[in-house]
Amino acid sequence: MNMDKRKDIVVGHYSDYDEEKRLELDRANNLEFLTTMRYIQKYLKPGAKILEVGAATGRYSITLAKMGYDVTAVEITPSYVEIMKRKSRRLKNFRCMVGDALDLSAFGDGSFDMVLCLGPIYHLFNNRDRQRAINESVRVAKRGGVCMFAYIPHSSIMIDYALKYGHVADLWKSCDKRTGALKDSLEEIFSTIYFEEFKKLADKTPTKFIANVATDGLAPRLRHDIVAMSKKEYQAFVEWHFATCERLDQQGFSSHLLYICKKTGK
């Protein structure tokens, strides 16, 4: 896709969308945030420098800055950058700027202890651009640094959209009949990819695979039940989710997946 056209589509979508509210809408949505933060904190070291690429309104970045980490946030949507600036006025260890995951030339090689790419892969519609975004995130990570990439599995669109709204037959027309994978559409806002496809791209970089995580797991499928749970029941469900979210049998149900790797080379 033409880069300017992709930017126009993405910026146009998010300029009228509250991404932060999505993560806080209810208990089911919040599970994605809780799980992602759990893994971020698992691999963070004291004094770490963090880069978030595609930071939206700073739900993760500003949270991490408030925890004392040195955080830089890059976001393609200018209105979101302005929101981050307003929210972070008192934070001296936080900076944000307009930028694109495909071009992190503002940063030198090996600049960050952790690189979070928690949204851009959703909006890249060919492996060339996905590879470029992965390469850039890995490039700016220090050797031994951890990179995390959020992505959407093909099954998510079938379950979240087609089954829910009665569009299975129409969606199936857009699928690869052999694998069930959705074909990329230049006019769509979201793109999807299987784990094994993503891992092939990541394996072309000097990284070692750590984990693949179902960040929201069963929560989107059982939203009404989860929202209605008592506090005790919900806490037990969250603990069960944490114990099982790296299992393959959970990942097919999740709306969002998180690929975690460590940089091993220069």
C-alpha atoms as a PDB file:
ATOM      1  CA  MET A   1       0.000   0.000   0.000  1.00  0.00           C
ATOM      2  CA  ASN A   2       1.146   3.543  -0.716  1.00  0.00           C
ATOM      3  CA  MET A   3       2.644   4.877   2.532  1.00  0.00           C
ATOM      4  CA  ASP A   4       0.703   8.149   2.464  1.00  0.00           C
ATOM      5  CA  LYS A   5      -2.561   6.296   1.832  1.00  0.00           C
ATOM      6  CA  ARG A   6      -1.883   3.949   4.745  1.00  0.00           C
ATOM      7  CA  LYS A   7      -1.188   6.898   7.024  1.00  0.00           C
ATOM      8  CA  ASP A   8      -4.378   8.639   5.913  1.00  0.00           C
ATOM      9  CA  ILE A   9      -6.466   5.520   6.626  1.00  0.00           C
ATOM     10  CA  VAL A  10      -4.900   4.900  10.045  1.00  0.00           C
ATOM     11  CA  VAL A  11      -4.902   8.529  11.193  1.00  0.00           C
ATOM     12  CA  GLY A  12      -8.461   8.987   9.919  1.00  0.00           C
ATOM     13  CA  HIS A  13      -9.659   5.971  11.901  1.00  0.00           C
ATOM     14  CA  TYR A  14      -7.960   6.836  15.192  1.00  0.00           C
ATOM     15  CA  SER A  15      -8.676  10.562  15.081  1.00  0.00           C
ATOM     16  CA  ASP A  16     -12.303   9.667  15.871  1.00  0.00           C
ATOM     17  CA  TYR A  17     -11.618   6.701  18.163  1.00  0.00           C
ATOM     18  CA  ASP A  18     -10.758   6.567  21.863  1.00  0.00           C
ATOM     19  CA  GLU A  19      -8.148   3.800  22.051  1.00  0.00           C
ATOM     20  CA  GLU A  20      -7.475   4.330  25.754  1.00  0.00           C
ATOM     21  CA  LYS A  21     -11.148   3.935  26.627  1.00  0.00           C
ATOM     22  CA  ARG A  22     -11.141   0.611  24.703  1.00  0.00           C
ATOM     23  CA  LEU A  23      -8.647  -0.845  27.178  1.00  0.00           C
ATOM     24  CA  GLU A  24     -10.699   0.375  30.151  1.00  0.00           C
ATOM     25  CA  LEU A  25     -14.210  -0.223  28.801  1.00  0.00           C
ATOM     26  CA  ASP A  26     -14.913  -3.175  31.088  1.00  0.00           C
ATOM     27  CA  ARG A  27     -13.209  -6.105  32.811  1.00  0.00           C
ATOM     28  CA  ALA A  28     -13.013  -8.099  29.578  1.00  0.00           C
ATOM     29  CA  ASN A  29     -11.195  -5.333  27.718  1.00  0.00           C
ATOM     30  CA  ASN A  30      -8.981  -4.514  30.686  1.00  0.00           C
ATOM     31  CA  LEU A  31      -7.561  -8.048  30.658  1.00  0.00           C
ATOM     32  CA  GLU A  32      -5.484  -7.156  27.583  1.00  0.00           C
ATOM     33  CA  PHE A  33      -3.881  -4.268  29.483  1.00  0.00           C
ATOM     34  CA  LEU A  34      -3.317  -6.308  32.644  1.00  0.00           C
ATOM     35  CA  THR A  35      -1.688  -9.155  30.705  1.00  0.00           C
ATOM     36  CA  THR A  36       0.521  -6.922  28.572  1.00  0.00           C
ATOM     37  CA  MET A  37       1.683  -4.958  31.618  1.00  0.00           C
ATOM     38  CA  ARG A  38       2.415  -8.203  33.439  1.00  0.00           C
ATOM     39  CA  TYR A  39       4.808  -9.275  30.676  1.00  0.00           C
ATOM     40  CA  ILE A  40       6.343  -5.828  30.303  1.00  0.00           C
ATOM     41  CA  GLN A  41       7.144  -5.773  34.011  1.00  0.00           C
ATOM     42  CA  LYS A  42       8.429  -9.359  33.890  1.00  0.00           C
ATOM     43  CA  TYR A  43      11.214  -8.376  31.487  1.00  0.00           C
ATOM     44  CA  LEU A  44      11.925  -4.804  32.596  1.00  0.00           C
ATOM     45  CA  LYS A  45      15.070  -4.062  34.532  1.00  0.00           C
ATOM     46  CA  PRO A  46      15.583  -1.129  36.934  1.00  0.00           C
ATOM     47  CA  GLY A  47      16.511   2.056  35.094  1.00  0.00           C
ATOM     48  CA  ALA A  48      15.460   0.696  31.706  1.00  0.00           C
ATOM     49  CA  LYS A  49      14.953   3.010  28.737  1.00  0.00           C
ATOM     50  CA  ILE A  50      11.734   2.169  26.894  1.00  0.00           C
ATOM     51  CA  LEU A  51      10.468   3.041  23.423  1.00  0.00           C
ATOM     52  CA  GLU A  52       6.812   2.521  22.579  1.00  0.00           C
ATOM     53  CA  VAL A  53       6.016   2.616  18.870  1.00  0.00           C
ATOM     54  CA  GLY A  54       2.349   3.274  18.150  1.00  0.00           C
ATOM     55  CA  ALA A  55       1.658   4.531  21.663  1.00  0.00           C
ATOM     56  CA  ALA A  56      -1.872   5.869  20.983  1.00  0.00           C
ATOM     57  CA  THR A  57      -2.793   8.132  23.918  1.00  0.00           C
ATOM     58  CA  GLY A  58      -0.104   6.704  26.187  1.00  0.00           C
ATOM     59  CA  ARG A  59      -1.974   4.127  28.256  1.00  0.00           C
ATOM     60  CA  TYR A  60       1.162   2.008  28.513  1.00  0.00           C
ATOM     61  CA  SER A  61       3.853   4.646  28.027  1.00  0.00           C
ATOM     62  CA  ILE A  62       2.604   7.112  30.602  1.00  0.00           C
ATOM     63  CA  THR A  63       1.878   4.320  33.085  1.00  0.00           C
ATOM     64  CA  LEU A  64       5.493   3.151  32.721  1.00  0.00           C
ATOM     65  CA  ALA A  65       6.828   6.703  33.021  1.00  0.00           C
ATOM     66  CA  LYS A  66       4.850   7.157  36.249  1.00  0.00           C
ATOM     67  CA  MET A  67       6.563   4.000  37.502  1.00  0.00           C
ATOM     68  CA  GLY A  68       9.883   5.807  37.051  1.00  0.00           C
ATOM     69  CA  TYR A  69      11.137   4.465  33.714  1.00  0.00           C
ATOM     70  CA  ASP A  70      12.621   6.676  31.001  1.00  0.00           C
ATOM     71  CA  VAL A  71      10.022   6.442  28.235  1.00  0.00           C
ATOM     72  CA  THR A  72       9.846   7.697  24.656  1.00  0.00           C
ATOM     73  CA  ALA A  73       6.565   7.341  22.762  1.00  0.00           C
ATOM     74  CA  VAL A  74       6.089   7.486  18.988  1.00  0.00           C
ATOM     75  CA  GLU A  75       2.602   7.755  17.485  1.00  0.00           C
ATOM     76  CA  ILE A  76       1.405   8.246  13.908  1.00  0.00           C
ATOM     77  CA  THR A  77      -1.803  10.108  14.867  1.00  0.00           C
ATOM     78  CA  PRO A  78      -0.999  13.774  15.670  1.00  0.00           C
ATOM     79  CA  SER A  79      -4.091  14.275  17.859  1.00  0.00           C
ATOM     80  CA  TYR A  80      -2.988  11.368  20.072  1.00  0.00           C
ATOM     81  CA  VAL A  81       0.452  12.939  20.502  1.00  0.00           C
ATOM     82  CA  GLU A  82      -1.215  16.138  21.701  1.00  0.00           C
ATOM     83  CA  ILE A  83      -3.237  14.119  24.219  1.00  0.00           C
ATOM     84  CA  MET A  84      -0.049  12.476  25.499  1.00  0.00           C
ATOM     85  CA  LYS A  85       1.622  15.849  25.869  1.00  0.00           C
ATOM     86  CA  ARG A  86      -1.287  17.147  27.962  1.00  0.00           C
ATOM     87  CA  LYS A  87      -1.365  14.044  30.140  1.00  0.00           C
ATOM     88  CA  SER A  88       2.393  14.033  30.773  1.00  0.00           C
ATOM     89  CA  ARG A  89       3.106  17.697  31.546  1.00  0.00           C
ATOM     90  CA  ARG A  90       4.573  16.895  34.953  1.00  0.00           C
ATOM     91  CA  LEU A  91       6.629  13.918  33.795  1.00  0.00           C
ATOM     92  CA  LYS A  92      10.246  14.806  33.095  1.00  0.00           C
ATOM     93  CA  ASN A  93      11.121  11.211  32.145  1.00  0.00           C
ATOM     94  CA  PHE A  94       8.588  11.061  29.278  1.00  0.00           C
ATOM     95  CA  ARG A  95       8.720  12.415  25.737  1.00  0.00           C
ATOM     96  CA  CYS A  96       6.499  11.820  22.739  1.00  0.00           C
ATOM     97  CA  MET A  97       6.500  12.635  19.044  1.00  0.00           C
ATOM     98  CA  VAL A  98       4.720  11.976  15.774  1.00  0.00           C
ATOM     99  CA  GLY A  99       6.368   9.111  13.929  1.00  0.00           C
ATOM    100  CA  ASP A 100       5.913   5.910  11.946  1.00  0.00           C
ATOM    101  CA  ALA A 101       6.890   2.338  12.838  1.00  0.00           C
ATOM    102  CA  LEU A 102       8.415   1.967   9.369  1.00  0.00           C
ATOM    103  CA  ASP A 103      10.944   4.731   9.984  1.00  0.00           C
ATOM    104  CA  LEU A 104      12.603   5.062  13.389  1.00  0.00           C
ATOM    105  CA  SER A 105      15.599   6.915  11.988  1.00  0.00           C
ATOM    106  CA  ALA A 106      15.200   9.500  14.774  1.00  0.00           C
ATOM    107  CA  PHE A 107      16.832   6.890  17.035  1.00  0.00           C
ATOM    108  CA  GLY A 108      20.240   5.298  16.827  1.00  0.00           C
ATOM    109  CA  ASP A 109      21.020   1.596  16.825  1.00  0.00           C
ATOM    110  CA  GLY A 110      20.817  -0.030  20.246  1.00  0.00           C
ATOM    111  CA  SER A 111      19.195   2.919  22.019  1.00  0.00           C
ATOM    112  CA  PHE A 112      16.590   1.182  24.200  1.00  0.00           C
ATOM    113  CA  ASP A 113      16.391  -1.641  26.721  1.00  0.00           C
ATOM    114  CA  MET A 114      12.828  -2.449  25.694  1.00  0.00           C
ATOM    115  CA  VAL A 115      10.872  -1.681  22.521  1.00  0.00           C
ATOM    116  CA  LEU A 116       7.085  -2.022  22.528  1.00  0.00           C
ATOM    117  CA  CYS A 117       5.291  -2.181  19.188  1.00  0.00           C
ATOM    118  CA  LEU A 118       1.737  -2.656  20.429  1.00  0.00           C
ATOM    119  CA  GLY A 119      -0.355  -1.413  17.512  1.00  0.00           C
ATOM    120  CA  PRO A 120       1.435  -0.754  14.218  1.00  0.00           C
ATOM    121  CA  ILE A 121       1.415  -4.390  13.038  1.00  0.00           C
ATOM    122  CA  TYR A 122      -2.409  -4.214  13.076  1.00  0.00           C
ATOM    123  CA  HIS A 123      -2.258  -1.799  10.146  1.00  0.00           C
ATOM    124  CA  LEU A 124       0.465  -3.179   7.881  1.00  0.00           C
ATOM    125  CA  PHE A 125      -0.915  -5.077   4.922  1.00  0.00           C
ATOM    126  CA  ASN A 126       2.050  -6.884   3.422  1.00  0.00           C
ATOM    127  CA  ASN A 127       5.053  -8.771   4.721  1.00  0.00           C
ATOM    128  CA  ARG A 128       7.451  -6.204   3.294  1.00  0.00           C
ATOM    129  CA  ASP A 129       6.083  -3.506   5.601  1.00  0.00           C
ATOM    130  CA  ARG A 130       5.712  -5.891   8.531  1.00  0.00           C
ATOM    131  CA  GLN A 131       9.328  -6.923   8.110  1.00  0.00           C
ATOM    132  CA  ARG A 132      10.408  -3.295   7.944  1.00  0.00           C
ATOM    133  CA  ALA A 133       8.563  -2.439  11.161  1.00  0.00           C
ATOM    134  CA  ILE A 134      10.029  -5.454  12.955  1.00  0.00           C
ATOM    135  CA  ASN A 135      13.515  -4.643  11.671  1.00  0.00           C
ATOM    136  CA  GLU A 136      13.279  -1.052  12.880  1.00  0.00           C
ATOM    137  CA  SER A 137      12.077  -2.017  16.353  1.00  0.00           C
ATOM    138  CA  VAL A 138      14.834  -4.595  16.711  1.00  0.00           C
ATOM    139  CA  ARG A 139      17.454  -2.205  15.343  1.00  0.00           C
ATOM    140  CA  VAL A 140      16.864   0.425  18.027  1.00  0.00           C
ATOM    141  CA  ALA A 141      16.874  -2.178  20.827  1.00  0.00           C
ATOM    142  CA  LYS A 142      20.074  -2.814  22.746  1.00  0.00           C
ATOM    143  CA  ARG A 143      21.714  -6.205  22.549  1.00  0.00           C
ATOM    144  CA  GLY A 144      19.951  -8.258  25.194  1.00  0.00           C
ATOM    145  CA  GLY A 145      16.969  -5.909  25.024  1.00  0.00           C
ATOM    146  CA  VAL A 146      13.410  -7.184  24.781  1.00  0.00           C
ATOM    147  CA  CYS A 147      11.009  -6.394  21.922  1.00  0.00           C
ATOM    148  CA  MET A 148       7.260  -6.975  22.090  1.00  0.00           C
ATOM    149  CA  PHE A 149       4.920  -6.950  19.101  1.00  0.00           C
ATOM    150  CA  ALA A 150       1.131  -7.036  19.334  1.00  0.00           C
ATOM    151  CA  TYR A 151      -0.728  -8.519  16.368  1.00  0.00           C
ATOM    152  CA  ILE A 152      -4.164  -9.801  15.422  1.00  0.00           C
ATOM    153  CA  PRO A 153      -4.664 -13.465  14.464  1.00  0.00           C
ATOM    154  CA  HIS A 154      -6.778 -14.331  11.426  1.00  0.00           C
ATOM    155  CA  SER A 155      -9.365 -16.123  13.585  1.00  0.00           C
ATOM    156  CA  SER A 156     -10.100 -12.944  15.521  1.00  0.00           C
ATOM    157  CA  ILE A 157     -11.931 -11.322  12.610  1.00  0.00           C
ATOM    158  CA  MET A 158     -13.982 -14.458  11.942  1.00  0.00           C
ATOM    159  CA  ILE A 159     -15.014 -14.756  15.606  1.00  0.00           C
ATOM    160  CA  ASP A 160     -15.289 -11.078  16.606  1.00  0.00           C
ATOM    161  CA  TYR A 161     -16.906  -9.813  13.431  1.00  0.00           C
ATOM    162  CA  ALA A 162     -18.256 -12.446  11.039  1.00  0.00           C
ATOM    163  CA  LEU A 163     -19.863 -14.827  13.525  1.00  0.00           C
ATOM    164  CA  LYS A 164     -21.159 -11.996  15.681  1.00  0.00           C
ATOM    165  CA  TYR A 165     -22.796 -10.020  12.882  1.00  0.00           C
ATOM    166  CA  GLY A 166     -23.724 -12.755  10.405  1.00  0.00           C
ATOM    167  CA  HIS A 167     -21.027 -12.163   7.795  1.00  0.00           C
ATOM    168  CA  VAL A 168     -19.339 -15.569   7.747  1.00  0.00           C
ATOM    169  CA  ALA A 169     -20.150 -16.311   4.108  1.00  0.00           C
ATOM    170  CA  ASP A 170     -18.902 -12.908   2.958  1.00  0.00           C
ATOM    171  CA  LEU A 171     -15.713 -13.175   5.010  1.00  0.00           C
ATOM    172  CA  TRP A 172     -15.050 -16.696   3.755  1.00  0.00           C
ATOM    173  CA  LYS A 173     -14.905 -15.295   0.219  1.00  0.00           C
ATOM    174  CA  SER A 174     -11.895 -13.248   1.366  1.00  0.00           C
ATOM    175  CA  CYS A 175     -10.100 -16.206   2.932  1.00  0.00           C
ATOM    176  CA  ASP A 176      -7.449 -18.514   1.577  1.00  0.00           C
ATOM    177  CA  LYS A 177      -9.467 -21.721   1.133  1.00  0.00           C
ATOM    178  CA  ARG A 178      -6.498 -23.909   2.056  1.00  0.00           C
ATOM    179  CA  THR A 179      -5.378 -22.179   5.273  1.00  0.00           C
ATOM    180  CA  GLY A 180      -8.369 -20.055   6.322  1.00  0.00           C
ATOM    181  CA  ALA A 181      -6.134 -16.984   6.413  1.00  0.00           C
ATOM    182  CA  LEU A 182      -7.733 -13.663   5.516  1.00  0.00           C
ATOM    183  CA  LYS A 183      -6.398 -12.043   2.382  1.00  0.00           C
ATOM    184  CA  ASP A 184      -5.017  -8.543   2.806  1.00  0.00           C
ATOM    185  CA  SER A 185      -7.368  -5.793   1.692  1.00  0.00           C
ATOM    186  CA  LEU A 186      -5.933  -2.365   0.987  1.00  0.00           C
ATOM    187  CA  GLU A 187      -9.099  -0.613   2.125  1.00  0.00           C
ATOM    188  CA  GLU A 188      -9.397  -2.367   5.494  1.00  0.00           C
ATOM    189  CA  ILE A 189      -8.173  -0.737   8.682  1.00  0.00           C
ATOM    190  CA  PHE A 190      -6.955  -3.968  10.313  1.00  0.00           C
ATOM    191  CA  SER A 191      -4.684  -6.708   9.020  1.00  0.00           C
ATOM    192  CA  THR A 192      -4.240 -10.185  10.472  1.00  0.00           C
ATOM    193  CA  ILE A 193      -1.465 -12.764  10.530  1.00  0.00           C
ATOM    194  CA  TYR A 194      -0.855 -16.261  11.862  1.00  0.00           C
ATOM    195  CA  PHE A 195       1.762 -16.833  14.567  1.00  0.00           C
ATOM    196  CA  GLU A 196       3.971 -18.952  12.335  1.00  0.00           C
ATOM    197  CA  GLU A 197       3.941 -16.236   9.653  1.00  0.00           C
ATOM    198  CA  PHE A 198       4.930 -13.593  12.171  1.00  0.00           C
ATOM    199  CA  LYS A 199       7.675 -15.773  13.645  1.00  0.00           C
ATOM    200  CA  LYS A 200       9.215 -16.276  10.190  1.00  0.00           C
ATOM    201  CA  LEU A 201       9.532 -12.495   9.878  1.00  0.00           C
ATOM    202  CA  ALA A 202      10.952 -12.083  13.380  1.00  0.00           C
ATOM    203  CA  ASP A 203      13.406 -14.924  12.808  1.00  0.00           C
ATOM    204  CA  LYS A 204      15.020 -12.846  10.039  1.00  0.00           C
ATOM    205  CA  THR A 205      16.245 -10.451  12.729  1.00  0.00           C
ATOM    206  CA  PRO A 206      18.965 -11.073  15.347  1.00  0.00           C
ATOM    207  CA  THR A 207      16.464 -12.123  18.008  1.00  0.00           C
ATOM    208  CA  LYS A 208      15.570 -15.152  20.088  1.00  0.00           C
ATOM    209  CA  PHE A 209      11.921 -16.082  20.597  1.00  0.00           C
ATOM    210  CA  ILE A 210      10.732 -15.916  24.207  1.00  0.00           C
ATOM    211  CA  ALA A 211       6.939 -16.307  24.194  1.00  0.00           C
ATOM    212  CA  ASN A 212       3.701 -15.778  22.328  1.00  0.00           C
ATOM    213  CA  VAL A 213       0.878 -14.608  24.586  1.00  0.00           C
ATOM    214  CA  ALA A 214      -2.896 -14.516  24.281  1.00  0.00           C
ATOM    215  CA  THR A 215      -3.328 -11.105  25.882  1.00  0.00           C
ATOM    216  CA  ASP A 216      -7.112 -11.172  26.134  1.00  0.00           C
ATOM    217  CA  GLY A 217      -7.659 -14.922  25.758  1.00  0.00           C
ATOM    218  CA  LEU A 218     -11.257 -16.027  26.273  1.00  0.00           C
ATOM    219  CA  ALA A 219     -12.393 -12.650  27.599  1.00  0.00           C
ATOM    220  CA  PRO A 220     -13.834 -11.281  24.303  1.00  0.00           C
ATOM    221  CA  ARG A 221     -15.867 -14.495  23.865  1.00  0.00           C
ATOM    222  CA  LEU A 222     -17.264 -14.475  27.420  1.00  0.00           C
ATOM    223  CA  ARG A 223     -17.628 -10.722  27.879  1.00  0.00           C
ATOM    224  CA  HIS A 224     -21.078 -10.713  29.504  1.00  0.00           C
ATOM    225  CA  ASP A 225     -20.173 -13.512  31.925  1.00  0.00           C
ATOM    226  CA  ILE A 226     -16.908 -11.811  32.903  1.00  0.00           C
ATOM    227  CA  VAL A 227     -18.513  -8.406  33.442  1.00  0.00           C
ATOM    228  CA  ALA A 228     -21.130 -10.039  35.696  1.00  0.00           C
ATOM    229  CA  MET A 229     -18.567 -11.881  37.858  1.00  0.00           C
ATOM    230  CA  SER A 230     -18.026 -11.058  41.499  1.00  0.00           C
ATOM    231  CA  LYS A 231     -14.676  -9.476  42.359  1.00  0.00           C
ATOM    232  CA  LYS A 232     -13.493 -12.792  43.821  1.00  0.00           C
ATOM    233  CA  GLU A 233     -14.511 -14.769  40.733  1.00  0.00           C
ATOM    234  CA  TYR A 234     -12.933 -12.253  38.384  1.00  0.00           C
ATOM    235  CA  GLN A 235      -9.632 -12.314  40.268  1.00  0.00           C
ATOM    236  CA  ALA A 236      -9.599 -16.113  40.042  1.00  0.00           C
ATOM    237  CA  PHE A 237     -10.315 -15.919  36.296  1.00  0.00           C
ATOM    238  CA  VAL A 238      -7.463 -13.428  35.800  1.00  0.00           C
ATOM    239  CA  GLU A 239      -5.060 -15.698  37.678  1.00  0.00           C
ATOM    240  CA  TRP A 240      -6.161 -18.674  35.554  1.00  0.00           C
ATOM    241  CA  HIS A 241      -5.691 -16.580  32.410  1.00  0.00           C
ATOM    242  CA  PHE A 242      -2.168 -15.610  33.481  1.00  0.00           C
ATOM    243  CA  ALA A 243      -1.354 -19.294  34.042  1.00  0.00           C
ATOM    244  CA  THR A 244      -2.642 -20.378  30.615  1.00  0.00           C
ATOM    245  CA  CYS A 245      -2.158 -17.421  28.235  1.00  0.00           C
ATOM    246  CA  GLU A 246       1.001 -18.879  26.646  1.00  0.00           C
ATOM    247  CA  ARG A 247      -0.761 -22.142  25.786  1.00  0.00           C
ATOM    248  CA  LEU A 248      -1.518 -22.744  22.122  1.00  0.00           C
ATOM    249  CA  ASP A 249      -5.053 -23.874  22.907  1.00  0.00           C
ATOM    250  CA  GLN A 250      -5.824 -20.416  24.348  1.00  0.00           C
ATOM    251  CA  GLN A 251      -4.259 -18.365  21.581  1.00  0.00           C
ATOM    252  CA  GLY A 252      -6.762 -19.285  18.887  1.00  0.00           C
ATOM    253  CA  PHE A 253      -9.546 -17.608  20.861  1.00  0.00           C
ATOM    254  CA  SER A 254      -7.705 -14.399  21.673  1.00  0.00           C
ATOM    255  CA  SER A 255      -8.428 -11.172  19.793  1.00  0.00           C
ATOM    256  CA  HIS A 256      -4.848  -9.973  20.341  1.00  0.00           C
ATOM    257  CA  LEU A 257      -1.543 -11.811  20.563  1.00  0.00           C
ATOM    258  CA  LEU A 258       1.825 -10.608  21.862  1.00  0.00           C
ATOM    259  CA  TYR A 259       5.101 -11.855  20.378  1.00  0.00           C
ATOM    260  CA  ILE A 260       8.074 -11.432  22.731  1.00  0.00           C
ATOM    261  CA  CYS A 261      11.704 -11.806  21.724  1.00  0.00           C
ATOM    262  CA  LYS A 262      15.194 -10.823  22.911  1.00  0.00           C
ATOM    263  CA  LYS A 263      17.810  -9.172  20.717  1.00  0.00           C
ATOM    264  CA  THR A 264      20.858 -11.400  20.466  1.00  0.00           C
ATOM    265  CA  GLY A 265      23.033  -9.561  17.924  1.00  0.00           C
ATOM    266  CA  LYS A 266      23.980  -6.059  16.913  1.00  0.00           C
END
